[in-house]
């Protein structure tokens, strides 16, 4: 008997990606909270000092990259489940993907402009 498995583990990669990106965002939130609470005051100099180091910039960029991928998987799944016309779904996928890439680029620009 030739058994053809179609679609096995289709959602495993996306499920795992959602969990990994959620963990990255949760860890960053803790790191950011510790940094913000320990900086002493809410002045521009203190905020600039928090993000002046390469670690915090990289961690923040990793947070935003995780956020964008997390959002992409979630919104893409919503589109696949609820938007039935293929052409409309394709346009929504393209617009959403371009926006998320643009937001990530904007975040990088803000982070490295400091």
PDB file of N, CA and C in Angstrom:
ATOM      1  N   UNK A   1       0.845  -1.179   0.000  1.00  0.00           N
ATOM      2  CA  UNK A   1       0.000   0.000   0.000  1.00  0.00           C
ATOM      3  C   UNK A   1       0.887   1.238   0.000  1.00  0.00           C
ATOM      4  N   UNK A   2       0.674   2.107  -0.981  1.00  0.00           N
ATOM      5  CA  UNK A   2       1.396   3.377  -1.045  1.00  0.00           C
ATOM      6  C   UNK A   2       0.556   4.449  -0.383  1.00  0.00           C
ATOM      7  N   UNK A   3       1.008   4.855   0.765  1.00  0.00           N
ATOM      8  CA  UNK A   3       0.282   5.889   1.494  1.00  0.00           C
ATOM      9  C   UNK A   3       0.956   7.225   1.231  1.00  0.00           C
ATOM     10  N   UNK A   4       0.216   8.153   0.677  1.00  0.00           N
ATOM     11  CA  UNK A   4       0.739   9.480   0.396  1.00  0.00           C
ATOM     12  C   UNK A   4       0.251  10.411   1.503  1.00  0.00           C
ATOM     13  N   UNK A   5       1.207  10.970   2.208  1.00  0.00           N
ATOM     14  CA  UNK A   5       0.863  11.899   3.285  1.00  0.00           C
ATOM     15  C   UNK A   5       0.912  13.303   2.717  1.00  0.00           C
ATOM     16  N   UNK A   6      -0.206  13.971   2.783  1.00  0.00           N
ATOM     17  CA  UNK A   6      -0.300  15.330   2.260  1.00  0.00           C
ATOM     18  C   UNK A   6      -0.639  16.255   3.426  1.00  0.00           C
ATOM     19  N   UNK A   7       0.143  17.310   3.576  1.00  0.00           N
ATOM     20  CA  UNK A   7      -0.162  18.312   4.590  1.00  0.00           C
ATOM     21  C   UNK A   7       0.258  17.926   5.992  1.00  0.00           C
ATOM     22  N   UNK A   8       1.054  16.875   6.148  1.00  0.00           N
ATOM     23  CA  UNK A   8       1.485  16.484   7.484  1.00  0.00           C
ATOM     24  C   UNK A   8       2.374  17.567   8.065  1.00  0.00           C
ATOM     25  N   UNK A   9       2.130  17.904   9.290  1.00  0.00           N
ATOM     26  CA  UNK A   9       2.891  18.927  10.018  1.00  0.00           C
ATOM     27  C   UNK A   9       2.828  20.285   9.334  1.00  0.00           C
ATOM     28  N   UNK A  10       1.770  20.562   8.632  1.00  0.00           N
ATOM     29  CA  UNK A  10       1.639  21.821   7.905  1.00  0.00           C
ATOM     30  C   UNK A  10       1.760  23.006   8.839  1.00  0.00           C
ATOM     31  N   UNK A  11       1.107  22.946   9.981  1.00  0.00           N
ATOM     32  CA  UNK A  11       1.089  24.091  10.879  1.00  0.00           C
ATOM     33  C   UNK A  11       2.138  24.058  11.963  1.00  0.00           C
ATOM     34  N   UNK A  12       2.953  23.025  12.017  1.00  0.00           N
ATOM     35  CA  UNK A  12       3.947  22.907  13.092  1.00  0.00           C
ATOM     36  C   UNK A  12       4.958  24.040  13.052  1.00  0.00           C
ATOM     37  N   UNK A  13       5.450  24.375  11.871  1.00  0.00           N
ATOM     38  CA  UNK A  13       6.436  25.455  11.744  1.00  0.00           C
ATOM     39  C   UNK A  13       5.847  26.786  12.213  1.00  0.00           C
ATOM     40  N   UNK A  14       4.619  27.063  11.813  1.00  0.00           N
ATOM     41  CA  UNK A  14       3.980  28.313  12.219  1.00  0.00           C
ATOM     42  C   UNK A  14       3.680  28.326  13.712  1.00  0.00           C
ATOM     43  N   UNK A  15       3.240  27.203  14.230  1.00  0.00           N
ATOM     44  CA  UNK A  15       2.963  27.108  15.670  1.00  0.00           C
ATOM     45  C   UNK A  15       4.240  27.349  16.455  1.00  0.00           C
ATOM     46  N   UNK A  16       5.324  26.721  16.026  1.00  0.00           N
ATOM     47  CA  UNK A  16       6.604  26.883  16.705  1.00  0.00           C
ATOM     48  C   UNK A  16       7.118  28.314  16.574  1.00  0.00           C
ATOM     49  N   UNK A  17       6.975  28.903  15.398  1.00  0.00           N
ATOM     50  CA  UNK A  17       7.409  30.289  15.183  1.00  0.00           C
ATOM     51  C   UNK A  17       6.648  31.243  16.099  1.00  0.00           C
ATOM     52  N   UNK A  18       5.342  31.029  16.256  1.00  0.00           N
ATOM     53  CA  UNK A  18       4.552  31.872  17.157  1.00  0.00           C
ATOM     54  C   UNK A  18       5.074  31.766  18.583  1.00  0.00           C
ATOM     55  N   UNK A  19       5.411  30.568  19.022  1.00  0.00           N
ATOM     56  CA  UNK A  19       5.887  30.370  20.404  1.00  0.00           C
ATOM     57  C   UNK A  19       7.267  30.980  20.602  1.00  0.00           C
ATOM     58  N   UNK A  20       8.156  30.761  19.641  1.00  0.00           N
ATOM     59  CA  UNK A  20       9.517  31.289  19.764  1.00  0.00           C
ATOM     60  C   UNK A  20       9.498  32.817  19.750  1.00  0.00           C
ATOM     61  N   UNK A  21       8.762  33.409  18.836  1.00  0.00           N
ATOM     62  CA  UNK A  21       8.704  34.871  18.793  1.00  0.00           C
ATOM     63  C   UNK A  21       8.044  35.435  20.044  1.00  0.00           C
ATOM     64  N   UNK A  22       7.062  34.739  20.594  1.00  0.00           N
ATOM     65  CA  UNK A  22       6.433  35.194  21.838  1.00  0.00           C
ATOM     66  C   UNK A  22       7.424  35.158  22.994  1.00  0.00           C
ATOM     67  N   UNK A  23       8.254  34.131  23.058  1.00  0.00           N
ATOM     68  CA  UNK A  23       9.269  34.035  24.114  1.00  0.00           C
ATOM     69  C   UNK A  23      10.295  35.157  23.961  1.00  0.00           C
ATOM     70  N   UNK A  24      10.732  35.413  22.732  1.00  0.00           N
ATOM     71  CA  UNK A  24      11.687  36.500  22.486  1.00  0.00           C
ATOM     72  C   UNK A  24      11.095  37.829  22.946  1.00  0.00           C
ATOM     73  N   UNK A  25       9.831  38.082  22.608  1.00  0.00           N
ATOM     74  CA  UNK A  25       9.201  39.342  23.000  1.00  0.00           C
ATOM     75  C   UNK A  25       9.024  39.438  24.511  1.00  0.00           C
ATOM     76  N   UNK A  26       8.693  38.335  25.164  1.00  0.00           N
ATOM     77  CA  UNK A  26       8.542  38.337  26.622  1.00  0.00           C
ATOM     78  C   UNK A  26       9.877  38.595  27.309  1.00  0.00           C
ATOM     79  N   UNK A  27      10.945  37.951  26.832  1.00  0.00           N
ATOM     80  CA  UNK A  27      12.272  38.184  27.410  1.00  0.00           C
ATOM     81  C   UNK A  27      12.713  39.634  27.211  1.00  0.00           C
ATOM     82  N   UNK A  28      12.482  40.170  26.032  1.00  0.00           N
ATOM     83  CA  UNK A  28      12.833  41.566  25.789  1.00  0.00           C
ATOM     84  C   UNK A  28      12.053  42.493  26.716  1.00  0.00           C
ATOM     85  N   UNK A  29      10.787  42.196  26.924  1.00  0.00           N
ATOM     86  CA  UNK A  29       9.975  43.036  27.805  1.00  0.00           C
ATOM     87  C   UNK A  29      10.574  43.073  29.209  1.00  0.00           C
ATOM     88  N   UNK A  30      11.033  41.927  29.691  1.00  0.00           N
ATOM     89  CA  UNK A  30      11.685  41.891  31.003  1.00  0.00           C
ATOM     90  C   UNK A  30      12.983  42.691  31.000  1.00  0.00           C
ATOM     91  N   UNK A  31      13.812  42.510  29.988  1.00  0.00           N
ATOM     92  CA  UNK A  31      15.079  43.247  29.888  1.00  0.00           C
ATOM     93  C   UNK A  31      14.812  44.745  29.811  1.00  0.00           C
ATOM     94  N   UNK A  32      13.850  45.131  28.994  1.00  0.00           N
ATOM     95  CA  UNK A  32      13.518  46.546  28.843  1.00  0.00           C
ATOM     96  C   UNK A  32      12.988  47.119  30.148  1.00  0.00           C
ATOM     97  N   UNK A  33      12.133  46.378  30.833  1.00  0.00           N
ATOM     98  CA  UNK A  33      11.575  46.872  32.106  1.00  0.00           C
ATOM     99  C   UNK A  33      12.683  47.063  33.138  1.00  0.00           C
ATOM    100  N   UNK A  34      13.586  46.119  33.218  1.00  0.00           N
ATOM    101  CA  UNK A  34      14.706  46.251  34.163  1.00  0.00           C
ATOM    102  C   UNK A  34      15.560  47.468  33.804  1.00  0.00           C
ATOM    103  N   UNK A  35      15.857  47.631  32.530  1.00  0.00           N
ATOM    104  CA  UNK A  35      16.651  48.778  32.085  1.00  0.00           C
ATOM    105  C   UNK A  35      15.958  50.099  32.342  1.00  0.00           C
ATOM    106  N   UNK A  36      14.659  50.156  32.049  1.00  0.00           N
ATOM    107  CA  UNK A  36      13.906  51.399  32.236  1.00  0.00           C
ATOM    108  C   UNK A  36      13.761  51.749  33.714  1.00  0.00           C
ATOM    109  N   UNK A  37      13.548  50.743  34.553  1.00  0.00           N
ATOM    110  CA  UNK A  37      13.383  51.003  35.981  1.00  0.00           C
ATOM    111  C   UNK A  37      14.698  51.358  36.665  1.00  0.00           C
ATOM    112  N   UNK A  38      15.806  50.932  36.088  1.00  0.00           N
ATOM    113  CA  UNK A  38      17.091  51.192  36.726  1.00  0.00           C
ATOM    114  C   UNK A  38      17.817  52.409  36.166  1.00  0.00           C
ATOM    115  N   UNK A  39      17.226  53.123  35.233  1.00  0.00           N
ATOM    116  CA  UNK A  39      17.955  54.245  34.633  1.00  0.00           C
ATOM    117  C   UNK A  39      17.891  55.527  35.452  1.00  0.00           C
ATOM    118  N   UNK A  40      17.043  55.605  36.453  1.00  0.00           N
ATOM    119  CA  UNK A  40      17.089  56.733  37.368  1.00  0.00           C
ATOM    120  C   UNK A  40      16.112  57.857  37.109  1.00  0.00           C
ATOM    121  N   UNK A  41      15.744  58.105  35.916  1.00  0.00           N
ATOM    122  CA  UNK A  41      14.799  59.185  35.621  1.00  0.00           C
ATOM    123  C   UNK A  41      14.367  59.109  34.171  1.00  0.00           C
ATOM    124  N   UNK A  42      13.392  59.918  33.832  1.00  0.00           N
ATOM    125  CA  UNK A  42      12.843  59.874  32.476  1.00  0.00           C
ATOM    126  C   UNK A  42      13.345  61.042  31.637  1.00  0.00           C
ATOM    127  N   UNK A  43      14.643  61.252  31.626  1.00  0.00           N
ATOM    128  CA  UNK A  43      15.218  62.317  30.811  1.00  0.00           C
ATOM    129  C   UNK A  43      15.684  61.757  29.470  1.00  0.00           C
ATOM    130  N   UNK A  44      15.876  62.645  28.522  1.00  0.00           N
ATOM    131  CA  UNK A  44      16.363  62.241  27.213  1.00  0.00           C
ATOM    132  C   UNK A  44      17.720  61.563  27.328  1.00  0.00           C
ATOM    133  N   UNK A  45      18.587  62.120  28.160  1.00  0.00           N
ATOM    134  CA  UNK A  45      19.930  61.572  28.330  1.00  0.00           C
ATOM    135  C   UNK A  45      19.888  60.131  28.838  1.00  0.00           C
ATOM    136  N   UNK A  46      18.994  59.852  29.795  1.00  0.00           N
ATOM    137  CA  UNK A  46      18.876  58.489  30.325  1.00  0.00           C
ATOM    138  C   UNK A  46      18.353  57.517  29.270  1.00  0.00           C
ATOM    139  N   UNK A  47      17.333  57.942  28.509  1.00  0.00           N
ATOM    140  CA  UNK A  47      16.812  57.076  27.447  1.00  0.00           C
ATOM    141  C   UNK A  47      17.871  56.851  26.379  1.00  0.00           C
ATOM    142  N   UNK A  48      18.566  57.926  26.018  1.00  0.00           N
ATOM    143  CA  UNK A  48      19.624  57.804  25.017  1.00  0.00           C
ATOM    144  C   UNK A  48      20.718  56.864  25.525  1.00  0.00           C
ATOM    145  N   UNK A  49      21.053  56.982  26.790  1.00  0.00           N
ATOM    146  CA  UNK A  49      22.058  56.111  27.385  1.00  0.00           C
ATOM    147  C   UNK A  49      21.631  54.645  27.388  1.00  0.00           C
ATOM    148  N   UNK A  50      20.349  54.403  27.623  1.00  0.00           N
ATOM    149  CA  UNK A  50      19.844  53.027  27.624  1.00  0.00           C
ATOM    150  C   UNK A  50      20.034  52.369  26.262  1.00  0.00           C
ATOM    151  N   UNK A  51      19.806  53.134  25.201  1.00  0.00           N
ATOM    152  CA  UNK A  51      19.885  52.579  23.850  1.00  0.00           C
ATOM    153  C   UNK A  51      21.217  52.850  23.164  1.00  0.00           C
ATOM    154  N   UNK A  52      22.149  53.481  23.854  1.00  0.00           N
ATOM    155  CA  UNK A  52      23.441  53.807  23.241  1.00  0.00           C
ATOM    156  C   UNK A  52      24.287  52.560  23.017  1.00  0.00           C
ATOM    157  N   UNK A  53      24.142  51.582  23.875  1.00  0.00           N
ATOM    158  CA  UNK A  53      24.920  50.352  23.727  1.00  0.00           C
ATOM    159  C   UNK A  53      24.395  49.466  22.614  1.00  0.00           C
ATOM    160  N   UNK A  54      25.287  48.707  22.030  1.00  0.00           N
ATOM    161  CA  UNK A  54      24.902  47.829  20.930  1.00  0.00           C
ATOM    162  C   UNK A  54      23.943  46.724  21.344  1.00  0.00           C
ATOM    163  N   UNK A  55      24.060  46.243  22.591  1.00  0.00           N
ATOM    164  CA  UNK A  55      23.194  45.154  23.031  1.00  0.00           C
ATOM    165  C   UNK A  55      21.723  45.561  23.010  1.00  0.00           C
ATOM    166  N   UNK A  56      21.416  46.731  23.579  1.00  0.00           N
ATOM    167  CA  UNK A  56      20.009  47.145  23.674  1.00  0.00           C
ATOM    168  C   UNK A  56      19.430  47.445  22.300  1.00  0.00           C
ATOM    169  N   UNK A  57      20.229  48.009  21.423  1.00  0.00           N
ATOM    170  CA  UNK A  57      19.749  48.246  20.052  1.00  0.00           C
ATOM    171  C   UNK A  57      19.455  46.922  19.354  1.00  0.00           C
ATOM    172  N   UNK A  58      20.394  45.963  19.479  1.00  0.00           N
ATOM    173  CA  UNK A  58      20.187  44.667  18.852  1.00  0.00           C
ATOM    174  C   UNK A  58      18.975  43.965  19.453  1.00  0.00           C
ATOM    175  N   UNK A  59      18.857  43.990  20.783  1.00  0.00           N
ATOM    176  CA  UNK A  59      17.721  43.339  21.453  1.00  0.00           C
ATOM    177  C   UNK A  59      16.408  43.975  21.006  1.00  0.00           C
ATOM    178  N   UNK A  60      16.402  45.294  20.872  1.00  0.00           N
ATOM    179  CA  UNK A  60      15.186  45.989  20.432  1.00  0.00           C
ATOM    180  C   UNK A  60      14.853  45.638  18.994  1.00  0.00           C
ATOM    181  N   UNK A  61      15.869  45.576  18.140  1.00  0.00           N
ATOM    182  CA  UNK A  61      15.619  45.184  16.754  1.00  0.00           C
ATOM    183  C   UNK A  61      15.106  43.756  16.678  1.00  0.00           C
ATOM    184  N   UNK A  62      15.689  42.863  17.475  1.00  0.00           N
ATOM    185  CA  UNK A  62      15.225  41.476  17.521  1.00  0.00           C
ATOM    186  C   UNK A  62      13.775  41.410  17.998  1.00  0.00           C
ATOM    187  N   UNK A  63      13.420  42.256  18.971  1.00  0.00           N
ATOM    188  CA  UNK A  63      12.032  42.332  19.426  1.00  0.00           C
ATOM    189  C   UNK A  63      11.119  42.716  18.271  1.00  0.00           C
ATOM    190  N   UNK A  64      11.490  43.774  17.541  1.00  0.00           N
ATOM    191  CA  UNK A  64      10.634  44.229  16.445  1.00  0.00           C
ATOM    192  C   UNK A  64      10.572  43.208  15.314  1.00  0.00           C
ATOM    193  N   UNK A  65      11.681  42.539  15.023  1.00  0.00           N
ATOM    194  CA  UNK A  65      11.659  41.496  13.994  1.00  0.00           C
ATOM    195  C   UNK A  65      10.738  40.357  14.426  1.00  0.00           C
ATOM    196  N   UNK A  66      10.812  39.984  15.704  1.00  0.00           N
ATOM    197  CA  UNK A  66       9.933  38.934  16.225  1.00  0.00           C
ATOM    198  C   UNK A  66       8.478  39.370  16.179  1.00  0.00           C
ATOM    199  N   UNK A  67       8.230  40.621  16.537  1.00  0.00           N
ATOM    200  CA  UNK A  67       6.868  41.157  16.505  1.00  0.00           C
ATOM    201  C   UNK A  67       6.298  41.121  15.090  1.00  0.00           C
ATOM    202  N   UNK A  68       7.099  41.525  14.110  1.00  0.00           N
ATOM    203  CA  UNK A  68       6.615  41.550  12.732  1.00  0.00           C
ATOM    204  C   UNK A  68       6.343  40.134  12.215  1.00  0.00           C
ATOM    205  N   UNK A  69       7.230  39.180  12.530  1.00  0.00           N
ATOM    206  CA  UNK A  69       6.997  37.807  12.079  1.00  0.00           C
ATOM    207  C   UNK A  69       5.791  37.198  12.793  1.00  0.00           C
ATOM    208  N   UNK A  70       5.667  37.477  14.090  1.00  0.00           N
ATOM    209  CA  UNK A  70       4.535  36.997  14.878  1.00  0.00           C
ATOM    210  C   UNK A  70       3.229  37.538  14.279  1.00  0.00           C
ATOM    211  N   UNK A  71       3.238  38.826  13.967  1.00  0.00           N
ATOM    212  CA  UNK A  71       2.046  39.447  13.370  1.00  0.00           C
ATOM    213  C   UNK A  71       1.762  38.858  11.991  1.00  0.00           C
ATOM    214  N   UNK A  72       2.813  38.630  11.193  1.00  0.00           N
ATOM    215  CA  UNK A  72       2.627  38.077   9.858  1.00  0.00           C
ATOM    216  C   UNK A  72       1.941  36.710   9.909  1.00  0.00           C
ATOM    217  N   UNK A  73       2.440  35.825  10.773  1.00  0.00           N
ATOM    218  CA  UNK A  73       1.853  34.481  10.863  1.00  0.00           C
ATOM    219  C   UNK A  73       0.393  34.572  11.308  1.00  0.00           C
ATOM    220  N   UNK A  74       0.122  35.390  12.312  1.00  0.00           N
ATOM    221  CA  UNK A  74      -1.243  35.509  12.816  1.00  0.00           C
ATOM    222  C   UNK A  74      -2.207  36.094  11.802  1.00  0.00           C
ATOM    223  N   UNK A  75      -1.821  37.206  11.183  1.00  0.00           N
ATOM    224  CA  UNK A  75      -2.705  37.867  10.217  1.00  0.00           C
ATOM    225  C   UNK A  75      -2.857  37.014   8.963  1.00  0.00           C
ATOM    226  N   UNK A  76      -1.769  36.378   8.529  1.00  0.00           N
ATOM    227  CA  UNK A  76      -1.852  35.504   7.360  1.00  0.00           C
ATOM    228  C   UNK A  76      -2.840  34.362   7.596  1.00  0.00           C
ATOM    229  N   UNK A  77      -2.800  33.786   8.781  1.00  0.00           N
ATOM    230  CA  UNK A  77      -3.737  32.707   9.100  1.00  0.00           C
ATOM    231  C   UNK A  77      -5.182  33.203   9.134  1.00  0.00           C
ATOM    232  N   UNK A  78      -5.383  34.400   9.643  1.00  0.00           N
ATOM    233  CA  UNK A  78      -6.730  34.984   9.648  1.00  0.00           C
ATOM    234  C   UNK A  78      -7.210  35.175   8.211  1.00  0.00           C
ATOM    235  N   UNK A  79      -6.341  35.723   7.358  1.00  0.00           N
ATOM    236  CA  UNK A  79      -6.717  35.903   5.950  1.00  0.00           C
ATOM    237  C   UNK A  79      -7.052  34.562   5.302  1.00  0.00           C
ATOM    238  N   UNK A  80      -6.232  33.543   5.551  1.00  0.00           N
ATOM    239  CA  UNK A  80      -6.473  32.236   4.927  1.00  0.00           C
ATOM    240  C   UNK A  80      -7.777  31.615   5.412  1.00  0.00           C
ATOM    241  N   UNK A  81      -8.134  31.858   6.670  1.00  0.00           N
ATOM    242  CA  UNK A  81      -9.352  31.259   7.214  1.00  0.00           C
ATOM    243  C   UNK A  81     -10.621  31.998   6.799  1.00  0.00           C
ATOM    244  N   UNK A  82     -10.553  33.330   6.669  1.00  0.00           N
ATOM    245  CA  UNK A  82     -11.784  34.100   6.525  1.00  0.00           C
ATOM    246  C   UNK A  82     -11.939  34.844   5.207  1.00  0.00           C
ATOM    247  N   UNK A  83     -10.885  35.001   4.429  1.00  0.00           N
ATOM    248  CA  UNK A  83     -10.993  35.691   3.136  1.00  0.00           C
ATOM    249  C   UNK A  83     -10.971  34.620   2.048  1.00  0.00           C
ATOM    250  N   UNK A  84     -12.116  34.376   1.467  1.00  0.00           N
ATOM    251  CA  UNK A  84     -12.237  33.260   0.514  1.00  0.00           C
ATOM    252  C   UNK A  84     -11.780  33.596  -0.907  1.00  0.00           C
ATOM    253  N   UNK A  85     -12.078  34.780  -1.457  1.00  0.00           N
ATOM    254  CA  UNK A  85     -11.600  35.051  -2.827  1.00  0.00           C
ATOM    255  C   UNK A  85     -10.069  35.123  -2.860  1.00  0.00           C
ATOM    256  N   UNK A  86      -9.473  34.312  -3.694  1.00  0.00           N
ATOM    257  CA  UNK A  86      -8.012  34.214  -3.744  1.00  0.00           C
ATOM    258  C   UNK A  86      -7.358  35.535  -4.106  1.00  0.00           C
ATOM    259  N   UNK A  87      -7.928  36.278  -5.035  1.00  0.00           N
ATOM    260  CA  UNK A  87      -7.318  37.536  -5.466  1.00  0.00           C
ATOM    261  C   UNK A  87      -7.307  38.563  -4.331  1.00  0.00           C
ATOM    262  N   UNK A  88      -8.392  38.640  -3.581  1.00  0.00           N
ATOM    263  CA  UNK A  88      -8.459  39.570  -2.443  1.00  0.00           C
ATOM    264  C   UNK A  88      -7.457  39.152  -1.376  1.00  0.00           C
ATOM    265  N   UNK A  89      -7.389  37.871  -1.119  1.00  0.00           N
ATOM    266  CA  UNK A  89      -6.453  37.358  -0.110  1.00  0.00           C
ATOM    267  C   UNK A  89      -5.014  37.639  -0.528  1.00  0.00           C
ATOM    268  N   UNK A  90      -4.695  37.479  -1.794  1.00  0.00           N
ATOM    269  CA  UNK A  90      -3.349  37.742  -2.293  1.00  0.00           C
ATOM    270  C   UNK A  90      -2.977  39.220  -2.126  1.00  0.00           C
ATOM    271  N   UNK A  91      -3.906  40.094  -2.455  1.00  0.00           N
ATOM    272  CA  UNK A  91      -3.651  41.533  -2.291  1.00  0.00           C
ATOM    273  C   UNK A  91      -3.447  41.871  -0.815  1.00  0.00           C
ATOM    274  N   UNK A  92      -4.279  41.327   0.052  1.00  0.00           N
ATOM    275  CA  UNK A  92      -4.125  41.584   1.486  1.00  0.00           C
ATOM    276  C   UNK A  92      -2.797  41.033   2.013  1.00  0.00           C
ATOM    277  N   UNK A  93      -2.405  39.855   1.554  1.00  0.00           N
ATOM    278  CA  UNK A  93      -1.111  39.288   1.940  1.00  0.00           C
ATOM    279  C   UNK A  93       0.020  40.224   1.526  1.00  0.00           C
ATOM    280  N   UNK A  94      -0.013  40.676   0.288  1.00  0.00           N
ATOM    281  CA  UNK A  94       1.058  41.537  -0.233  1.00  0.00           C
ATOM    282  C   UNK A  94       1.116  42.863   0.522  1.00  0.00           C
ATOM    283  N   UNK A  95      -0.029  43.492   0.726  1.00  0.00           N
ATOM    284  CA  UNK A  95      -0.057  44.777   1.433  1.00  0.00           C
ATOM    285  C   UNK A  95       0.428  44.615   2.866  1.00  0.00           C
ATOM    286  N   UNK A  96      -0.038  43.580   3.541  1.00  0.00           N
ATOM    287  CA  UNK A  96       0.368  43.344   4.932  1.00  0.00           C
ATOM    288  C   UNK A  96       1.863  43.067   5.011  1.00  0.00           C
ATOM    289  N   UNK A  97       2.377  42.236   4.134  1.00  0.00           N
ATOM    290  CA  UNK A  97       3.798  41.911   4.142  1.00  0.00           C
ATOM    291  C   UNK A  97       4.647  43.153   3.880  1.00  0.00           C
ATOM    292  N   UNK A  98       4.255  43.961   2.906  1.00  0.00           N
ATOM    293  CA  UNK A  98       4.997  45.188   2.618  1.00  0.00           C
ATOM    294  C   UNK A  98       4.958  46.159   3.793  1.00  0.00           C
ATOM    295  N   UNK A  99       3.810  46.287   4.430  1.00  0.00           N
ATOM    296  CA  UNK A  99       3.711  47.161   5.607  1.00  0.00           C
ATOM    297  C   UNK A  99       4.605  46.681   6.740  1.00  0.00           C
ATOM    298  N   UNK A 100       4.582  45.382   7.018  1.00  0.00           N
ATOM    299  CA  UNK A 100       5.391  44.854   8.117  1.00  0.00           C
ATOM    300  C   UNK A 100       6.882  45.008   7.830  1.00  0.00           C
ATOM    301  N   UNK A 101       7.301  44.795   6.601  1.00  0.00           N
ATOM    302  CA  UNK A 101       8.701  45.009   6.235  1.00  0.00           C
ATOM    303  C   UNK A 101       9.053  46.493   6.368  1.00  0.00           C
ATOM    304  N   UNK A 102       8.155  47.347   5.950  1.00  0.00           N
ATOM    305  CA  UNK A 102       8.374  48.790   6.093  1.00  0.00           C
ATOM    306  C   UNK A 102       8.479  49.213   7.554  1.00  0.00           C
ATOM    307  N   UNK A 103       7.622  48.663   8.397  1.00  0.00           N
ATOM    308  CA  UNK A 103       7.688  48.982   9.829  1.00  0.00           C
ATOM    309  C   UNK A 103       9.010  48.523  10.431  1.00  0.00           C
ATOM    310  N   UNK A 104       9.482  47.364  10.022  1.00  0.00           N
ATOM    311  CA  UNK A 104      10.759  46.860  10.533  1.00  0.00           C
ATOM    312  C   UNK A 104      11.911  47.753  10.069  1.00  0.00           C
ATOM    313  N   UNK A 105      11.866  48.183   8.830  1.00  0.00           N
ATOM    314  CA  UNK A 105      12.876  49.124   8.336  1.00  0.00           C
ATOM    315  C   UNK A 105      12.849  50.440   9.081  1.00  0.00           C
ATOM    316  N   UNK A 106      11.659  50.919   9.378  1.00  0.00           N
ATOM    317  CA  UNK A 106      11.494  52.161  10.128  1.00  0.00           C
ATOM    318  C   UNK A 106      12.070  52.004  11.532  1.00  0.00           C
ATOM    319  N   UNK A 107      11.803  50.881  12.172  1.00  0.00           N
ATOM    320  CA  UNK A 107      12.345  50.619  13.512  1.00  0.00           C
ATOM    321  C   UNK A 107      13.876  50.615  13.465  1.00  0.00           C
ATOM    322  N   UNK A 108      14.457  49.983  12.453  1.00  0.00           N
ATOM    323  CA  UNK A 108      15.921  49.962  12.326  1.00  0.00           C
ATOM    324  C   UNK A 108      16.464  51.371  12.135  1.00  0.00           C
ATOM    325  N   UNK A 109      15.782  52.156  11.330  1.00  0.00           N
ATOM    326  CA  UNK A 109      16.219  53.530  11.095  1.00  0.00           C
ATOM    327  C   UNK A 109      16.185  54.340  12.391  1.00  0.00           C
ATOM    328  N   UNK A 110      15.146  54.206  13.161  1.00  0.00           N
ATOM    329  CA  UNK A 110      15.037  54.930  14.435  1.00  0.00           C
ATOM    330  C   UNK A 110      16.121  54.456  15.403  1.00  0.00           C
ATOM    331  N   UNK A 111      16.339  53.163  15.489  1.00  0.00           N
ATOM    332  CA  UNK A 111      17.308  52.624  16.440  1.00  0.00           C
ATOM    333  C   UNK A 111      18.738  53.055  16.120  1.00  0.00           C
ATOM    334  N   UNK A 112      19.102  53.068  14.853  1.00  0.00           N
ATOM    335  CA  UNK A 112      20.493  53.384  14.512  1.00  0.00           C
ATOM    336  C   UNK A 112      20.698  54.838  14.183  1.00  0.00           C
ATOM    337  N   UNK A 113      19.664  55.660  14.335  1.00  0.00           N
ATOM    338  CA  UNK A 113      19.799  57.093  14.166  1.00  0.00           C
ATOM    339  C   UNK A 113      20.172  57.751  15.494  1.00  0.00           C
ATOM    340  N   UNK A 114      20.035  57.031  16.596  1.00  0.00           N
ATOM    341  CA  UNK A 114      20.307  57.606  17.917  1.00  0.00           C
ATOM    342  C   UNK A 114      21.710  58.156  18.031  1.00  0.00           C
TER     343      UNK A 114
END
